[in-house]
């Protein structure tokens, strides 16, 4: 694992907060729709960006930004993640973790030590055979289910989120997901955009009107859309 890069200021990675995002290279999934394919599939030299350099940069941003997001790739694969988070937490920042949920033991350890303020867990598809299609490989879903239950039984603020792809999702899939995941504080259906650097080409976004029909079936659940054009979302 290595740090692939940072975003010095994000207004979208942690709702309501000015956020500094750290991206870790490497992932145990090969999601065909992934827009961070370079981070996922490329080998980043360990010395390209040191965490010490990032900490120095963050010290200059105390009282200027609110939070630091650890993202990827899959940050829980980084052996030094807890050490890194501790250093950032000591500077007074809120900590957000983006994860695919494949390492529940890492998430639990961080939660037990009160090092996280928010978690966004990517749910790729319905928790059945379709999951493997969405992640581009065969994978035992047991740890993912463990992380889902861990979050639902914790006191931390979190969201589940799914990038919707027309070739991978349909009404039945989304309803299965909602029924499996509820109750939850927030479920976000994200708009897929082909940016020309996805792992697989030729994929398309899931129509907003179809998403809206499904959301309308669950008026008592907090289900949002993200990334859809404002004219579609009205």
Protein backbone atom coordinates (compact mmCIF):
# COMPACT_ATOMS: atom_id res chain seq x y z
CA UNK A 1 0.00 0.00 0.00
CA UNK A 2 1.02 3.59 -0.57
CA UNK A 3 -0.56 7.02 -0.66
CA UNK A 4 -1.62 7.83 -4.20
CA UNK A 5 -2.53 11.46 -3.66
CA UNK A 6 -4.59 13.99 -1.75
CA UNK A 7 -7.36 16.49 -2.33
CA UNK A 8 -6.50 19.57 -0.29
CA UNK A 9 -10.08 20.78 -0.11
CA UNK A 10 -13.29 18.92 -0.83
CA UNK A 11 -16.85 20.13 -0.33
CA UNK A 12 -18.45 16.79 -1.20
CA UNK A 13 -16.51 14.05 0.60
CA UNK A 14 -18.03 14.75 4.04
CA UNK A 15 -21.37 16.55 3.99
CA UNK A 16 -21.27 19.86 5.80
CA UNK A 17 -17.52 19.94 6.36
CA UNK A 18 -14.45 21.29 4.62
CA UNK A 19 -12.47 18.11 4.06
CA UNK A 20 -8.94 17.06 3.19
CA UNK A 21 -9.01 13.66 1.46
CA UNK A 22 -6.18 11.12 1.39
CA UNK A 23 -6.29 8.45 -1.31
CA UNK A 24 -4.57 5.10 -0.76
CA UNK A 25 -3.58 2.98 -3.75
CA UNK A 26 -4.61 -0.65 -4.12
CA UNK A 27 -7.92 -2.43 -3.69
CA UNK A 28 -9.19 -5.99 -3.31
CA UNK A 29 -12.02 -5.30 -5.78
CA UNK A 30 -12.02 -4.59 -9.51
CA UNK A 31 -15.38 -2.88 -9.86
CA UNK A 32 -15.92 -2.30 -13.59
CA UNK A 33 -17.41 1.16 -12.95
CA UNK A 34 -14.58 2.35 -10.67
CA UNK A 35 -13.42 5.84 -11.67
CA UNK A 36 -10.24 5.49 -9.61
CA UNK A 37 -8.89 2.70 -11.81
CA UNK A 38 -5.36 4.14 -11.84
CA UNK A 39 -5.26 4.03 -8.03
CA UNK A 40 -6.77 0.54 -7.91
CA UNK A 41 -4.68 -1.16 -10.59
CA UNK A 42 -1.37 0.73 -10.59
CA UNK A 43 1.58 0.20 -8.28
CA UNK A 44 2.41 3.45 -6.52
CA UNK A 45 5.98 3.85 -5.36
CA UNK A 46 6.15 4.02 -1.57
CA UNK A 47 8.19 7.22 -1.62
CA UNK A 48 5.95 9.17 -3.98
CA UNK A 49 4.13 10.78 -1.07
CA UNK A 50 4.98 10.26 2.58
CA UNK A 51 2.47 10.49 5.37
CA UNK A 52 4.91 12.70 7.26
CA UNK A 53 4.61 15.27 4.45
CA UNK A 54 0.83 15.10 4.68
CA UNK A 55 0.88 15.61 8.45
CA UNK A 56 3.07 18.69 8.01
CA UNK A 57 0.59 20.02 5.47
CA UNK A 58 -2.36 19.30 7.76
CA UNK A 59 -0.72 21.20 10.61
CA UNK A 60 -0.91 24.34 8.46
CA UNK A 61 -4.63 23.74 7.96
CA UNK A 62 -5.71 23.46 11.60
CA UNK A 63 -8.73 25.77 12.13
CA UNK A 64 -9.02 26.16 8.35
CA UNK A 65 -10.61 22.82 7.49
CA UNK A 66 -12.83 20.53 9.54
CA UNK A 67 -12.15 16.93 8.61
CA UNK A 68 -9.86 14.42 6.97
CA UNK A 69 -11.23 11.59 4.86
CA UNK A 70 -9.28 8.36 4.39
CA UNK A 71 -10.27 6.94 1.02
CA UNK A 72 -8.90 4.91 -1.87
CA UNK A 73 -8.65 2.34 -3.30
CA UNK A 74 -9.40 0.56 -0.05
CA UNK A 75 -7.74 2.25 2.93
CA UNK A 76 -8.34 -0.61 5.39
CA UNK A 77 -5.73 -2.64 3.49
CA UNK A 78 -3.07 -0.19 4.68
CA UNK A 79 -1.23 -1.79 7.65
CA UNK A 80 -0.43 1.63 9.15
CA UNK A 81 -3.93 3.05 8.84
CA UNK A 82 -4.61 3.19 12.58
CA UNK A 83 -1.28 4.89 13.20
CA UNK A 84 -2.05 7.45 10.48
CA UNK A 85 -5.55 8.15 11.78
CA UNK A 86 -4.25 8.61 15.33
CA UNK A 87 -1.79 11.26 14.18
CA UNK A 88 -4.49 13.16 12.31
CA UNK A 89 -7.04 12.82 15.12
CA UNK A 90 -4.53 14.34 17.55
CA UNK A 91 -4.51 17.47 15.38
CA UNK A 92 -8.21 17.93 16.16
CA UNK A 93 -9.77 16.98 12.84
CA UNK A 94 -12.92 14.93 12.39
CA UNK A 95 -12.14 11.59 10.73
CA UNK A 96 -14.17 9.99 7.95
CA UNK A 97 -13.44 6.54 6.53
CA UNK A 98 -14.50 5.32 3.09
CA UNK A 99 -14.52 1.52 2.93
CA UNK A 100 -15.87 -1.44 0.97
CA UNK A 101 -16.39 -3.30 4.24
CA UNK A 102 -14.14 -6.26 3.52
CA UNK A 103 -12.09 -5.87 6.71
CA UNK A 104 -14.56 -5.64 9.60
CA UNK A 105 -11.80 -6.33 12.13
CA UNK A 106 -10.02 -3.13 11.09
CA UNK A 107 -13.21 -1.08 11.27
CA UNK A 108 -14.07 -2.54 14.69
CA UNK A 109 -10.61 -1.76 16.05
CA UNK A 110 -10.90 1.86 14.92
CA UNK A 111 -14.39 2.16 16.37
CA UNK A 112 -13.37 0.59 19.67
CA UNK A 113 -10.65 3.22 20.04
CA UNK A 114 -13.05 6.04 19.10
CA UNK A 115 -10.91 7.13 16.16
CA UNK A 116 -13.72 7.57 13.62
CA UNK A 117 -16.49 10.17 13.36
CA UNK A 118 -18.17 9.00 10.17
CA UNK A 119 -18.07 5.98 7.86
CA UNK A 120 -19.25 5.70 4.27
CA UNK A 121 -19.55 2.04 3.29
CA UNK A 122 -19.88 1.18 -0.36
CA UNK A 123 -22.52 -1.46 -1.05
CA UNK A 124 -21.89 -2.60 -4.59
CA UNK A 125 -25.09 -4.54 -5.29
CA UNK A 126 -27.62 -6.90 -3.72
CA UNK A 127 -26.03 -9.31 -1.27
CA UNK A 128 -26.20 -12.33 -3.57
CA UNK A 129 -24.50 -13.59 -6.74
CA UNK A 130 -24.87 -10.16 -8.34
CA UNK A 131 -22.29 -8.76 -5.93
CA UNK A 132 -19.48 -10.60 -7.68
CA UNK A 133 -20.52 -9.08 -11.01
CA UNK A 134 -20.38 -5.62 -9.48
CA UNK A 135 -16.93 -6.10 -7.94
CA UNK A 136 -15.36 -7.85 -10.93
CA UNK A 137 -14.26 -10.97 -9.05
CA UNK A 138 -15.44 -13.80 -6.81
CA UNK A 139 -15.47 -12.82 -3.16
CA UNK A 140 -16.87 -14.27 0.05
CA UNK A 141 -19.50 -11.78 1.25
CA UNK A 142 -19.28 -12.83 4.91
CA UNK A 143 -16.92 -10.01 6.01
CA UNK A 144 -19.03 -7.45 4.14
CA UNK A 145 -22.13 -8.61 5.97
CA UNK A 146 -20.20 -8.45 9.25
CA UNK A 147 -19.26 -4.82 8.61
CA UNK A 148 -22.87 -3.95 7.76
CA UNK A 149 -24.04 -5.43 11.06
CA UNK A 150 -21.15 -3.79 12.92
CA UNK A 151 -22.18 -0.34 11.69
CA UNK A 152 -25.88 -0.91 12.32
CA UNK A 153 -25.16 -1.93 15.89
CA UNK A 154 -22.70 0.89 16.61
CA UNK A 155 -23.29 4.46 17.74
CA UNK A 156 -21.27 6.00 14.89
CA UNK A 157 -22.86 8.14 12.21
CA UNK A 158 -22.61 6.40 8.84
CA UNK A 159 -24.07 5.94 5.39
CA UNK A 160 -24.38 3.14 2.92
CA UNK A 161 -23.86 4.19 -0.68
CA UNK A 162 -24.17 2.55 -4.09
CA UNK A 163 -23.02 3.75 -7.48
CA UNK A 164 -25.83 2.85 -9.87
CA UNK A 165 -24.91 1.37 -13.25
CA UNK A 166 -27.55 0.45 -15.79
CA UNK A 167 -25.77 -2.75 -16.80
CA UNK A 168 -25.40 -3.95 -13.19
CA UNK A 169 -28.50 -2.78 -11.33
CA UNK A 170 -32.24 -3.06 -11.79
CA UNK A 171 -35.35 -2.46 -9.71
CA UNK A 172 -35.25 -5.91 -8.14
CA UNK A 173 -31.59 -5.48 -7.14
CA UNK A 174 -32.16 -2.11 -5.48
CA UNK A 175 -35.23 -3.27 -3.57
CA UNK A 176 -33.30 -6.31 -2.36
CA UNK A 177 -30.54 -3.99 -1.13
CA UNK A 178 -32.92 -1.66 0.69
CA UNK A 179 -34.74 -4.52 2.40
CA UNK A 180 -31.45 -6.12 3.48
CA UNK A 181 -29.84 -2.92 4.72
CA UNK A 182 -32.72 -1.26 6.58
CA UNK A 183 -32.84 0.31 9.05
CA UNK A 184 -30.06 2.77 8.28
CA UNK A 185 -29.38 6.46 8.94
CA UNK A 186 -28.76 7.15 5.25
CA UNK A 187 -28.60 5.28 1.96
CA UNK A 188 -27.20 7.15 -1.03
CA UNK A 189 -27.72 6.15 -4.65
CA UNK A 190 -24.88 7.71 -6.62
CA UNK A 191 -24.93 8.67 -10.27
CA UNK A 192 -22.43 6.81 -12.45
CA UNK A 193 -20.41 8.88 -14.91
CA UNK A 194 -18.15 7.44 -17.58
CA UNK A 195 -15.05 9.58 -17.20
CA UNK A 196 -12.93 7.60 -19.63
CA UNK A 197 -10.79 6.09 -16.89
CA UNK A 198 -13.13 3.44 -15.56
CA UNK A 199 -11.94 -0.15 -15.31
CA UNK A 200 -14.50 -1.17 -17.96
CA UNK A 201 -15.72 0.97 -20.83
CA UNK A 202 -19.23 1.10 -22.27
CA UNK A 203 -21.19 1.33 -19.03
CA UNK A 204 -24.12 3.71 -18.58
CA UNK A 205 -25.84 5.58 -15.78
CA UNK A 206 -29.01 4.28 -14.18
CA UNK A 207 -31.99 6.50 -15.13
CA UNK A 208 -33.03 8.96 -12.46
CA UNK A 209 -36.76 8.41 -13.00
CA UNK A 210 -36.27 4.71 -12.21
CA UNK A 211 -34.34 5.58 -9.05
CA UNK A 212 -37.07 8.00 -8.00
CA UNK A 213 -39.79 5.36 -8.38
CA UNK A 214 -37.91 3.04 -6.04
CA UNK A 215 -37.16 5.75 -3.46
CA UNK A 216 -40.82 6.79 -3.45
CA UNK A 217 -41.74 3.30 -2.28
CA UNK A 218 -39.90 3.99 0.99
CA UNK A 219 -41.08 7.41 2.23
CA UNK A 220 -40.05 6.63 5.81
CA UNK A 221 -36.43 5.79 4.95
CA UNK A 222 -33.65 8.31 4.38
CA UNK A 223 -32.66 7.46 0.80
CA UNK A 224 -30.93 10.16 -1.22
CA UNK A 225 -29.44 10.57 -4.67
CA UNK A 226 -26.02 12.08 -5.28
CA UNK A 227 -24.47 13.35 -8.50
CA UNK A 228 -27.62 13.40 -10.59
CA UNK A 229 -28.23 16.60 -12.52
CA UNK A 230 -30.32 19.07 -10.55
CA UNK A 231 -32.94 19.17 -13.29
CA UNK A 232 -33.37 15.39 -12.95
CA UNK A 233 -33.45 15.46 -9.17
CA UNK A 234 -36.32 17.89 -8.82
